[in-house]
C-alpha atoms as a PDB file:
ATOM      1  CA  UNK A   1      -4.978   2.084 -20.697  1.00  0.00           C
ATOM      2  CA  UNK A   2      -6.173   5.246 -19.524  1.00  0.00           C
ATOM      3  CA  UNK A   3      -4.771   8.559 -21.417  1.00  0.00           C
ATOM      4  CA  UNK A   4      -5.542  10.861 -18.202  1.00  0.00           C
ATOM      5  CA  UNK A   5      -3.436  13.648 -19.725  1.00  0.00           C
ATOM      6  CA  UNK A   6      -5.748  13.744 -23.034  1.00  0.00           C
ATOM      7  CA  UNK A   7      -8.967  14.500 -20.903  1.00  0.00           C
ATOM      8  CA  UNK A   8      -8.371  16.514 -18.617  1.00  0.00           C
ATOM      9  CA  UNK A   9      -5.808  19.130 -20.442  1.00  0.00           C
ATOM     10  CA  UNK A  10      -9.378  20.133 -22.549  1.00  0.00           C
ATOM     11  CA  UNK A  11      -9.645  23.412 -20.814  1.00  0.00           C
ATOM     12  CA  UNK A  12      -5.880  23.683 -20.393  1.00  0.00           C
ATOM     13  CA  UNK A  13      -4.593  23.579 -23.767  1.00  0.00           C
ATOM     14  CA  UNK A  14      -4.696  27.575 -24.090  1.00  0.00           C
ATOM     15  CA  UNK A  15      -3.080  28.451 -21.243  1.00  0.00           C
ATOM     16  CA  UNK A  16       0.735  28.719 -20.638  1.00  0.00           C
ATOM     17  CA  UNK A  17       1.497  25.276 -18.445  1.00  0.00           C
ATOM     18  CA  UNK A  18       4.834  23.723 -18.483  1.00  0.00           C
ATOM     19  CA  UNK A  19       4.691  20.357 -19.071  1.00  0.00           C
ATOM     20  CA  UNK A  20       7.672  17.488 -18.531  1.00  0.00           C
ATOM     21  CA  UNK A  21       7.607  13.916 -20.124  1.00  0.00           C
ATOM     22  CA  UNK A  22       7.997  10.852 -17.749  1.00  0.00           C
ATOM     23  CA  UNK A  23       8.847   7.793 -19.727  1.00  0.00           C
ATOM     24  CA  UNK A  24       8.246   4.496 -18.054  1.00  0.00           C
ATOM     25  CA  UNK A  25       9.031   0.830 -18.446  1.00  0.00           C
ATOM     26  CA  UNK A  26      11.348  -1.044 -20.297  1.00  0.00           C
ATOM     27  CA  UNK A  27       9.859   0.026 -23.427  1.00  0.00           C
ATOM     28  CA  UNK A  28       9.398   3.733 -22.576  1.00  0.00           C
ATOM     29  CA  UNK A  29       5.557   4.531 -22.197  1.00  0.00           C
ATOM     30  CA  UNK A  30       5.148   8.463 -22.148  1.00  0.00           C
ATOM     31  CA  UNK A  31       3.273   9.802 -20.201  1.00  0.00           C
ATOM     32  CA  UNK A  32       2.900  13.943 -20.907  1.00  0.00           C
ATOM     33  CA  UNK A  33       2.349  15.674 -17.200  1.00  0.00           C
ATOM     34  CA  UNK A  34       1.472  19.066 -15.699  1.00  0.00           C
ATOM     35  CA  UNK A  35       4.830  20.448 -13.966  1.00  0.00           C
ATOM     36  CA  UNK A  36       3.180  22.573 -11.517  1.00  0.00           C
ATOM     37  CA  UNK A  37       1.124  19.361 -10.343  1.00  0.00           C
ATOM     38  CA  UNK A  38       3.719  16.772 -10.078  1.00  0.00           C
ATOM     39  CA  UNK A  39       6.367  19.356  -8.608  1.00  0.00           C
ATOM     40  CA  UNK A  40       3.802  19.801  -6.142  1.00  0.00           C
ATOM     41  CA  UNK A  41       3.098  16.916  -5.047  1.00  0.00           C
ATOM     42  CA  UNK A  42       6.080  14.392  -6.092  1.00  0.00           C
ATOM     43  CA  UNK A  43       9.794  15.090  -4.374  1.00  0.00           C
ATOM     44  CA  UNK A  44      11.718  12.977  -6.712  1.00  0.00           C
ATOM     45  CA  UNK A  45      10.503  14.961  -9.531  1.00  0.00           C
ATOM     46  CA  UNK A  46      11.026  17.966  -8.612  1.00  0.00           C
ATOM     47  CA  UNK A  47      14.611  17.041  -7.078  1.00  0.00           C
ATOM     48  CA  UNK A  48      15.199  16.045 -10.707  1.00  0.00           C
ATOM     49  CA  UNK A  49      14.193  19.172 -12.590  1.00  0.00           C
ATOM     50  CA  UNK A  50      16.497  21.100 -10.854  1.00  0.00           C
ATOM     51  CA  UNK A  51      19.254  19.238 -11.925  1.00  0.00           C
ATOM     52  CA  UNK A  52      20.357  21.616 -14.919  1.00  0.00           C
ATOM     53  CA  UNK A  53      22.581  19.219 -16.677  1.00  0.00           C
ATOM     54  CA  UNK A  54      20.263  16.245 -16.957  1.00  0.00           C
ATOM     55  CA  UNK A  55      16.184  15.994 -16.257  1.00  0.00           C
ATOM     56  CA  UNK A  56      16.160  19.670 -15.689  1.00  0.00           C
ATOM     57  CA  UNK A  57      17.791  20.464 -19.610  1.00  0.00           C
ATOM     58  CA  UNK A  58      15.796  17.772 -21.312  1.00  0.00           C
ATOM     59  CA  UNK A  59      12.472  18.140 -19.427  1.00  0.00           C
ATOM     60  CA  UNK A  60      12.525  14.001 -19.654  1.00  0.00           C
ATOM     61  CA  UNK A  61      12.127  12.047 -16.745  1.00  0.00           C
ATOM     62  CA  UNK A  62      13.032   8.350 -16.833  1.00  0.00           C
ATOM     63  CA  UNK A  63      11.461   5.338 -14.576  1.00  0.00           C
ATOM     64  CA  UNK A  64      12.279   1.950 -15.990  1.00  0.00           C
ATOM     65  CA  UNK A  65      11.870  -0.092 -13.342  1.00  0.00           C
ATOM     66  CA  UNK A  66       8.231   0.943 -13.154  1.00  0.00           C
ATOM     67  CA  UNK A  67       4.818  -0.374 -14.770  1.00  0.00           C
ATOM     68  CA  UNK A  68       3.314   1.946 -17.037  1.00  0.00           C
ATOM     69  CA  UNK A  69      -0.216   0.449 -16.044  1.00  0.00           C
ATOM     70  CA  UNK A  70       1.157   1.483 -12.166  1.00  0.00           C
ATOM     71  CA  UNK A  71       1.955   4.714 -13.568  1.00  0.00           C
ATOM     72  CA  UNK A  72      -1.077   5.680 -15.109  1.00  0.00           C
ATOM     73  CA  UNK A  73      -3.349   4.247 -12.036  1.00  0.00           C
ATOM     74  CA  UNK A  74      -0.911   6.727  -9.994  1.00  0.00           C
ATOM     75  CA  UNK A  75      -1.171   9.712 -12.103  1.00  0.00           C
ATOM     76  CA  UNK A  76      -5.216   8.942 -11.962  1.00  0.00           C
ATOM     77  CA  UNK A  77      -4.609   9.963  -8.120  1.00  0.00           C
ATOM     78  CA  UNK A  78      -2.694  13.209  -8.367  1.00  0.00           C
ATOM     79  CA  UNK A  79      -5.185  14.192 -10.554  1.00  0.00           C
ATOM     80  CA  UNK A  80      -8.377  13.408  -9.231  1.00  0.00           C
ATOM     81  CA  UNK A  81      -7.658  12.487  -5.627  1.00  0.00           C
ATOM     82  CA  UNK A  82      -9.140   9.447  -5.624  1.00  0.00           C
ATOM     83  CA  UNK A  83      -8.263   5.595  -6.970  1.00  0.00           C
ATOM     84  CA  UNK A  84     -10.073   5.552  -9.850  1.00  0.00           C
ATOM     85  CA  UNK A  85     -13.185   2.935  -9.782  1.00  0.00           C
ATOM     86  CA  UNK A  86     -12.419   1.101 -12.555  1.00  0.00           C
ATOM     87  CA  UNK A  87      -8.941  -0.213 -11.402  1.00  0.00           C
ATOM     88  CA  UNK A  88     -11.015  -1.700  -8.722  1.00  0.00           C
ATOM     89  CA  UNK A  89     -14.640  -2.977  -9.716  1.00  0.00           C
ATOM     90  CA  UNK A  90     -15.340  -6.465  -9.573  1.00  0.00           C
ATOM     91  CA  UNK A  91     -12.224  -7.229  -8.086  1.00  0.00           C
ATOM     92  CA  UNK A  92     -11.229 -10.100  -4.746  1.00  0.00           C
ATOM     93  CA  UNK A  93     -10.177  -8.621  -1.920  1.00  0.00           C
ATOM     94  CA  UNK A  94      -6.861 -10.104  -2.478  1.00  0.00           C
ATOM     95  CA  UNK A  95      -6.328  -7.804  -6.120  1.00  0.00           C
ATOM     96  CA  UNK A  96      -7.864  -5.084  -4.481  1.00  0.00           C
ATOM     97  CA  UNK A  97      -4.881  -5.280  -2.086  1.00  0.00           C
ATOM     98  CA  UNK A  98      -2.363  -6.107  -4.452  1.00  0.00           C
ATOM     99  CA  UNK A  99      -3.375  -2.967  -6.481  1.00  0.00           C
ATOM    100  CA  UNK A 100      -3.307  -0.832  -3.312  1.00  0.00           C
ATOM    101  CA  UNK A 101       0.295  -2.334  -2.366  1.00  0.00           C
ATOM    102  CA  UNK A 102       1.293  -1.565  -5.722  1.00  0.00           C
ATOM    103  CA  UNK A 103       0.571   2.277  -5.237  1.00  0.00           C
ATOM    104  CA  UNK A 104       1.964   2.497  -2.240  1.00  0.00           C
ATOM    105  CA  UNK A 105       5.875   1.202  -3.771  1.00  0.00           C
ATOM    106  CA  UNK A 106       5.310   3.252  -6.587  1.00  0.00           C
ATOM    107  CA  UNK A 107       4.503   6.335  -4.511  1.00  0.00           C
ATOM    108  CA  UNK A 108       7.231   5.660  -2.212  1.00  0.00           C
ATOM    109  CA  UNK A 109       9.914   5.056  -5.179  1.00  0.00           C
ATOM    110  CA  UNK A 110       9.262   8.641  -6.429  1.00  0.00           C
ATOM    111  CA  UNK A 111       8.519  10.333  -2.595  1.00  0.00           C
ATOM    112  CA  UNK A 112       4.762  11.156  -3.048  1.00  0.00           C
ATOM    113  CA  UNK A 113       2.896  11.112   0.317  1.00  0.00           C
ATOM    114  CA  UNK A 114      -0.672  12.014  -0.678  1.00  0.00           C
ATOM    115  CA  UNK A 115      -1.042   8.724  -2.692  1.00  0.00           C
ATOM    116  CA  UNK A 116       1.170   6.280  -0.236  1.00  0.00           C
ATOM    117  CA  UNK A 117      -1.132   7.824   2.721  1.00  0.00           C
ATOM    118  CA  UNK A 118      -4.410   7.037   0.516  1.00  0.00           C
ATOM    119  CA  UNK A 119      -2.609   2.993  -0.235  1.00  0.00           C
ATOM    120  CA  UNK A 120      -2.124   2.789   3.379  1.00  0.00           C
ATOM    121  CA  UNK A 121      -4.997   4.050   4.235  1.00  0.00           C
ATOM    122  CA  UNK A 122      -6.619   1.642   1.657  1.00  0.00           C
ATOM    123  CA  UNK A 123      -5.211  -1.201   2.555  1.00  0.00           C
ATOM    124  CA  UNK A 124      -6.240  -0.934   6.246  1.00  0.00           C
ATOM    125  CA  UNK A 125      -9.925  -0.361   5.128  1.00  0.00           C
ATOM    126  CA  UNK A 126      -9.353  -4.116   4.058  1.00  0.00           C
ATOM    127  CA  UNK A 127      -8.049  -5.702   6.530  1.00  0.00           C
ATOM    128  CA  UNK A 128      -9.364  -4.019   9.570  1.00  0.00           C
ATOM    129  CA  UNK A 129     -13.298  -4.227   9.170  1.00  0.00           C
ATOM    130  CA  UNK A 130     -15.309  -7.059   9.000  1.00  0.00           C
ATOM    131  CA  UNK A 131     -16.141  -8.600   5.850  1.00  0.00           C
ATOM    132  CA  UNK A 132     -19.188 -10.747   6.483  1.00  0.00           C
ATOM    133  CA  UNK A 133     -21.014 -10.903  10.256  1.00  0.00           C
ATOM    134  CA  UNK A 134     -20.390 -14.798  10.831  1.00  0.00           C
ATOM    135  CA  UNK A 135     -17.596 -16.747  11.641  1.00  0.00           C
ATOM    136  CA  UNK A 136     -17.032 -19.348   8.595  1.00  0.00           C
ATOM    137  CA  UNK A 137     -17.724 -23.168   9.093  1.00  0.00           C
ATOM    138  CA  UNK A 138     -14.497 -22.907  10.422  1.00  0.00           C
ATOM    139  CA  UNK A 139     -14.878 -20.848  13.534  1.00  0.00           C
ATOM    140  CA  UNK A 140     -12.768 -18.279  12.295  1.00  0.00           C
ATOM    141  CA  UNK A 141     -14.384 -14.803  12.269  1.00  0.00           C
ATOM    142  CA  UNK A 142     -14.656 -13.336   8.939  1.00  0.00           C
ATOM    143  CA  UNK A 143     -11.708 -10.850   8.478  1.00  0.00           C
ATOM    144  CA  UNK A 144      -9.637 -10.949   5.279  1.00  0.00           C
ATOM    145  CA  UNK A 145      -5.585 -11.122   5.126  1.00  0.00           C
ATOM    146  CA  UNK A 146      -3.792 -10.711   2.328  1.00  0.00           C
ATOM    147  CA  UNK A 147      -2.590 -13.307   0.975  1.00  0.00           C
ATOM    148  CA  UNK A 148       1.042 -14.719   0.662  1.00  0.00           C
ATOM    149  CA  UNK A 149       1.637 -13.227  -2.482  1.00  0.00           C
ATOM    150  CA  UNK A 150       0.429 -10.015  -1.519  1.00  0.00           C
ATOM    151  CA  UNK A 151       2.108 -10.154   1.915  1.00  0.00           C
ATOM    152  CA  UNK A 152       5.352 -11.291  -0.322  1.00  0.00           C
ATOM    153  CA  UNK A 153       5.200  -8.258  -2.650  1.00  0.00           C
ATOM    154  CA  UNK A 154       4.941  -5.421   0.388  1.00  0.00           C
ATOM    155  CA  UNK A 155       7.808  -7.082   2.143  1.00  0.00           C
ATOM    156  CA  UNK A 156      10.108  -7.524  -1.213  1.00  0.00           C
ATOM    157  CA  UNK A 157       9.789  -3.837  -2.315  1.00  0.00           C
ATOM    158  CA  UNK A 158       9.375  -1.975   1.603  1.00  0.00           C
ATOM    159  CA  UNK A 159      12.066  -1.030   4.405  1.00  0.00           C
ATOM    160  CA  UNK A 160      11.968  -2.189   7.760  1.00  0.00           C
ATOM    161  CA  UNK A 161       9.376  -0.339   9.837  1.00  0.00           C
ATOM    162  CA  UNK A 162       7.579   1.170   7.303  1.00  0.00           C
ATOM    163  CA  UNK A 163       3.773   1.867   8.523  1.00  0.00           C
ATOM    164  CA  UNK A 164       2.210  -0.871   6.309  1.00  0.00           C
ATOM    165  CA  UNK A 165       4.425  -3.610   6.986  1.00  0.00           C
ATOM    166  CA  UNK A 166       3.379  -2.848  10.766  1.00  0.00           C
ATOM    167  CA  UNK A 167      -0.308  -2.653   9.548  1.00  0.00           C
ATOM    168  CA  UNK A 168      -0.022  -6.031   8.748  1.00  0.00           C
ATOM    169  CA  UNK A 169       1.631  -7.567  11.521  1.00  0.00           C
ATOM    170  CA  UNK A 170      -0.828  -5.844  13.847  1.00  0.00           C
ATOM    171  CA  UNK A 171      -3.434  -7.444  12.189  1.00  0.00           C
ATOM    172  CA  UNK A 172      -1.891 -10.594  12.256  1.00  0.00           C
ATOM    173  CA  UNK A 173      -1.506 -10.457  15.784  1.00  0.00           C
ATOM    174  CA  UNK A 174      -4.985 -10.106  16.980  1.00  0.00           C
ATOM    175  CA  UNK A 175      -5.772 -13.143  14.175  1.00  0.00           C
ATOM    176  CA  UNK A 176      -3.636 -15.644  16.328  1.00  0.00           C
ATOM    177  CA  UNK A 177      -5.169 -15.094  19.081  1.00  0.00           C
ATOM    178  CA  UNK A 178      -8.016 -17.153  17.898  1.00  0.00           C
ATOM    179  CA  UNK A 179      -6.354 -19.451  19.915  1.00  0.00           C
ATOM    180  CA  UNK A 180      -7.859 -17.894  23.180  1.00  0.00           C
ATOM    181  CA  UNK A 181     -10.653 -16.818  21.801  1.00  0.00           C
ATOM    182  CA  UNK A 182     -12.048 -18.748  18.693  1.00  0.00           C
ATOM    183  CA  UNK A 183     -12.075 -22.209  17.142  1.00  0.00           C
ATOM    184  CA  UNK A 184      -8.433 -23.885  18.736  1.00  0.00           C
ATOM    185  CA  UNK A 185      -8.932 -26.326  15.476  1.00  0.00           C
ATOM    186  CA  UNK A 186      -9.023 -23.028  13.410  1.00  0.00           C
ATOM    187  CA  UNK A 187      -6.283 -21.945  14.950  1.00  0.00           C
ATOM    188  CA  UNK A 188      -4.479 -24.688  14.541  1.00  0.00           C
ATOM    189  CA  UNK A 189      -4.821 -24.585  10.682  1.00  0.00           C
ATOM    190  CA  UNK A 190      -3.642 -21.135  10.529  1.00  0.00           C
ATOM    191  CA  UNK A 191      -0.629 -21.692  12.063  1.00  0.00           C
ATOM    192  CA  UNK A 192       0.258 -24.014   9.344  1.00  0.00           C
ATOM    193  CA  UNK A 193      -1.023 -21.862   7.077  1.00  0.00           C
ATOM    194  CA  UNK A 194       1.318 -19.115   8.235  1.00  0.00           C
ATOM    195  CA  UNK A 195       4.350 -21.192   6.641  1.00  0.00           C
ATOM    196  CA  UNK A 196       3.871 -19.904   3.290  1.00  0.00           C
ATOM    197  CA  UNK A 197       4.301 -16.325   4.317  1.00  0.00           C
ATOM    198  CA  UNK A 198       7.297 -14.053   3.907  1.00  0.00           C
ATOM    199  CA  UNK A 199      10.347 -14.577   6.251  1.00  0.00           C
ATOM    200  CA  UNK A 200      10.556 -11.819   7.262  1.00  0.00           C
ATOM    201  CA  UNK A 201       7.109 -10.749   7.966  1.00  0.00           C
ATOM    202  CA  UNK A 202       7.303 -14.079  10.136  1.00  0.00           C
ATOM    203  CA  UNK A 203       9.994 -12.759  11.895  1.00  0.00           C
ATOM    204  CA  UNK A 204       8.125  -9.582  13.143  1.00  0.00           C
ATOM    205  CA  UNK A 205       5.323 -11.400  13.336  1.00  0.00           C
ATOM    206  CA  UNK A 206       7.095 -13.484  16.485  1.00  0.00           C
ATOM    207  CA  UNK A 207       8.974 -10.601  17.568  1.00  0.00           C
ATOM    208  CA  UNK A 208       6.006  -8.938  18.584  1.00  0.00           C
ATOM    209  CA  UNK A 209       4.197 -11.908  19.721  1.00  0.00           C
ATOM    210  CA  UNK A 210       7.610 -12.443  22.281  1.00  0.00           C
ATOM    211  CA  UNK A 211       6.395  -8.540  23.173  1.00  0.00           C
ATOM    212  CA  UNK A 212       3.219  -9.147  24.002  1.00  0.00           C
ATOM    213  CA  UNK A 213       4.070 -11.846  26.625  1.00  0.00           C
ATOM    214  CA  UNK A 214       6.238 -10.036  27.972  1.00  0.00           C
ATOM    215  CA  UNK A 215       4.070  -7.171  28.434  1.00  0.00           C
ATOM    216  CA  UNK A 216       1.810  -9.740  30.236  1.00  0.00           C
ATOM    217  CA  UNK A 217      -0.542 -10.148  28.028  1.00  0.00           C
ATOM    218  CA  UNK A 218      -3.312  -8.790  30.421  1.00  0.00           C
ATOM    219  CA  UNK A 219      -7.151  -8.850  29.596  1.00  0.00           C
ATOM    220  CA  UNK A 220      -6.441 -10.028  25.701  1.00  0.00           C
ATOM    221  CA  UNK A 221      -5.175  -7.018  24.798  1.00  0.00           C
ATOM    222  CA  UNK A 222      -4.789  -8.142  20.846  1.00  0.00           C
ATOM    223  CA  UNK A 223      -8.551  -8.714  20.505  1.00  0.00           C
ATOM    224  CA  UNK A 224      -8.895  -5.806  18.317  1.00  0.00           C
ATOM    225  CA  UNK A 225      -7.134  -4.886  15.620  1.00  0.00           C
ATOM    226  CA  UNK A 226      -7.348  -1.439  16.698  1.00  0.00           C
ATOM    227  CA  UNK A 227      -5.659  -2.517  20.066  1.00  0.00           C
ATOM    228  CA  UNK A 228      -2.788  -3.731  17.873  1.00  0.00           C
ATOM    229  CA  UNK A 229      -2.793  -0.635  15.768  1.00  0.00           C
ATOM    230  CA  UNK A 230      -1.958   1.137  19.153  1.00  0.00           C
ATOM    231  CA  UNK A 231       0.356  -1.136  20.605  1.00  0.00           C
ATOM    232  CA  UNK A 232       2.844  -1.353  17.412  1.00  0.00           C
ATOM    233  CA  UNK A 233       2.585   2.546  17.589  1.00  0.00           C
ATOM    234  CA  UNK A 234       1.138   2.718  13.807  1.00  0.00           C
ATOM    235  CA  UNK A 235      -0.077   5.976  14.505  1.00  0.00           C
ATOM    236  CA  UNK A 236       2.864   7.744  15.865  1.00  0.00           C
ATOM    237  CA  UNK A 237       4.624   6.176  12.727  1.00  0.00           C
ATOM    238  CA  UNK A 238       2.272   7.459   9.815  1.00  0.00           C
ATOM    239  CA  UNK A 239       2.873   9.377   6.928  1.00  0.00           C
ATOM    240  CA  UNK A 240       2.537  13.338   7.868  1.00  0.00           C
END
């Protein structure tokens, strides 16, 4: 695991900067963080440190429910403004998407809009852009969609209506259009594969599909991912 503070505070060692300790996971892995950075970007920590009876007095915050590895990656983005390439190099799309999902869930838990927004944007980049130019042997367009495990993690750890859920639904709505625009065989196989996805995801997908038919479904409105994003109002529901 990286030791971000040790490498990032070399030039700050002789400056009078207050720090706090964050104990993460069941084994309470300790992270020492510059207080000025954390209270500026992480609302949960700012609120905790303002409490004179507990964290504000001890300067220690505990997050037993989260992974030290995830928190280390989260800190990297706080300090550097981007995710560490070492966390993503050589990874499959599913591994990358799961990493971004975990970053989103952690950032949402501690109320850090900067990292949550970056994670959402990274998931959108993965699923919205074509991975290859040609359709595959089954006639399916060369787009990536997260595995049932990734979707389950997102749905198990987020609330209804959040941006990242609606993003998945928007993309899948477009992919369902294979029935009209692509291979019928591919469409039928995709219908069968949907059964293994999270039940709430399937419920939301069905709900928005009904919405589509009620709207008339003119001119194949789910032809593009971008149309689906706009149709579901994702832009207006994005984090600020």
